[in-house]
Amino acid sequence: MTQVSWTERFLTVVRKILLR
C-alpha cells in the first residue's frame, strides 16, 4: 500500500500542473 502512496501523490501534483 505504501508503494502506491508516492504514486498517488505524484499523480496529484502532475494533474495540478496539467490543470494549471
PDB file of N, CA and C in Angstrom:
ATOM      1  N   MET A   1       0.860  -1.209   0.000  1.00  0.00           N
ATOM      2  CA  MET A   1       0.000   0.000   0.000  1.00  0.00           C
ATOM      3  C   MET A   1       0.896   1.260   0.000  1.00  0.00           C
ATOM      4  N   THR A   2       2.044   1.117   0.603  1.00  0.00           N
ATOM      5  CA  THR A   2       2.945   2.297   0.640  1.00  0.00           C
ATOM      6  C   THR A   2       3.571   2.526  -0.734  1.00  0.00           C
ATOM      7  N   GLN A   3       3.611   1.468  -1.538  1.00  0.00           N
ATOM      8  CA  GLN A   3       4.210   1.613  -2.880  1.00  0.00           C
ATOM      9  C   GLN A   3       3.361   2.559  -3.738  1.00  0.00           C
ATOM     10  N   VAL A   4       2.071   2.556  -3.474  1.00  0.00           N
ATOM     11  CA  VAL A   4       1.184   3.430  -4.278  1.00  0.00           C
ATOM     12  C   VAL A   4       1.046   4.801  -3.618  1.00  0.00           C
ATOM     13  N   SER A   5       1.532   4.896  -2.400  1.00  0.00           N
ATOM     14  CA  SER A   5       1.424   6.175  -1.668  1.00  0.00           C
ATOM     15  C   SER A   5       2.146   7.283  -2.451  1.00  0.00           C
ATOM     16  N   TRP A   6       3.373   7.040  -2.834  1.00  0.00           N
ATOM     17  CA  TRP A   6       4.122   8.070  -3.584  1.00  0.00           C
ATOM     18  C   TRP A   6       3.521   8.240  -4.983  1.00  0.00           C
ATOM     19  N   THR A   7       2.985   7.163  -5.511  1.00  0.00           N
ATOM     20  CA  THR A   7       2.392   7.266  -6.869  1.00  0.00           C
ATOM     21  C   THR A   7       1.162   8.180  -6.855  1.00  0.00           C
ATOM     22  N   GLU A   8       0.322   7.972  -5.901  1.00  0.00           N
ATOM     23  CA  GLU A   8      -0.908   8.809  -5.828  1.00  0.00           C
ATOM     24  C   GLU A   8      -0.519  10.274  -5.641  1.00  0.00           C
ATOM     25  N   ARG A   9       0.474  10.499  -4.819  1.00  0.00           N
ATOM     26  CA  ARG A   9       0.885  11.909  -4.551  1.00  0.00           C
ATOM     27  C   ARG A   9       1.463  12.495  -5.834  1.00  0.00           C
ATOM     28  N   PHE A  10       2.253  11.702  -6.520  1.00  0.00           N
ATOM     29  CA  PHE A  10       2.871  12.203  -7.766  1.00  0.00           C
ATOM     30  C   PHE A  10       1.788  12.544  -8.800  1.00  0.00           C
ATOM     31  N   LEU A  11       0.816  11.653  -8.911  1.00  0.00           N
ATOM     32  CA  LEU A  11      -0.276  11.886  -9.894  1.00  0.00           C
ATOM     33  C   LEU A  11      -1.026  13.170  -9.542  1.00  0.00           C
ATOM     34  N   THR A  12      -1.196  13.397  -8.280  1.00  0.00           N
ATOM     35  CA  THR A  12      -1.933  14.609  -7.862  1.00  0.00           C
ATOM     36  C   THR A  12      -1.167  15.866  -8.280  1.00  0.00           C
ATOM     37  N   VAL A  13       0.118  15.824  -8.103  1.00  0.00           N
ATOM     38  CA  VAL A  13       0.935  17.004  -8.483  1.00  0.00           C
ATOM     39  C   VAL A  13       0.917  17.191  -9.999  1.00  0.00           C
ATOM     40  N   VAL A  14       1.046  16.097 -10.704  1.00  0.00           N
ATOM     41  CA  VAL A  14       1.056  16.188 -12.187  1.00  0.00           C
ATOM     42  C   VAL A  14      -0.296  16.724 -12.677  1.00  0.00           C
ATOM     43  N   ARG A  15      -1.335  16.253 -12.077  1.00  0.00           N
ATOM     44  CA  ARG A  15      -2.693  16.717 -12.519  1.00  0.00           C
ATOM     45  C   ARG A  15      -2.829  18.208 -12.237  1.00  0.00           C
ATOM     46  N   LYS A  16      -2.360  18.643 -11.112  1.00  0.00           N
ATOM     47  CA  LYS A  16      -2.466  20.095 -10.784  1.00  0.00           C
ATOM     48  C   LYS A  16      -1.685  20.907 -11.822  1.00  0.00           C
ATOM     49  N   ILE A  17      -0.534  20.416 -12.206  1.00  0.00           N
ATOM     50  CA  ILE A  17       0.292  21.144 -13.187  1.00  0.00           C
ATOM     51  C   ILE A  17      -0.411  21.154 -14.551  1.00  0.00           C
ATOM     52  N   LEU A  18      -1.005  20.023 -14.893  1.00  0.00           N
ATOM     53  CA  LEU A  18      -1.697  19.941 -16.202  1.00  0.00           C
ATOM     54  C   LEU A  18      -2.948  20.822 -16.178  1.00  0.00           C
ATOM     55  N   LEU A  19      -3.641  20.812 -15.057  1.00  0.00           N
ATOM     56  CA  LEU A  19      -4.880  21.619 -14.950  1.00  0.00           C
ATOM     57  C   LEU A  19      -4.504  23.099 -14.886  1.00  0.00           C
ATOM     58  N   ARG A  20      -3.407  23.355 -14.205  1.00  0.00           N
ATOM     59  CA  ARG A  20      -2.948  24.744 -14.021  1.00  0.00           C
ATOM     60  C   ARG A  20      -4.105  25.672 -14.267  1.00  0.00           C
TER      61      ARG A  20
END
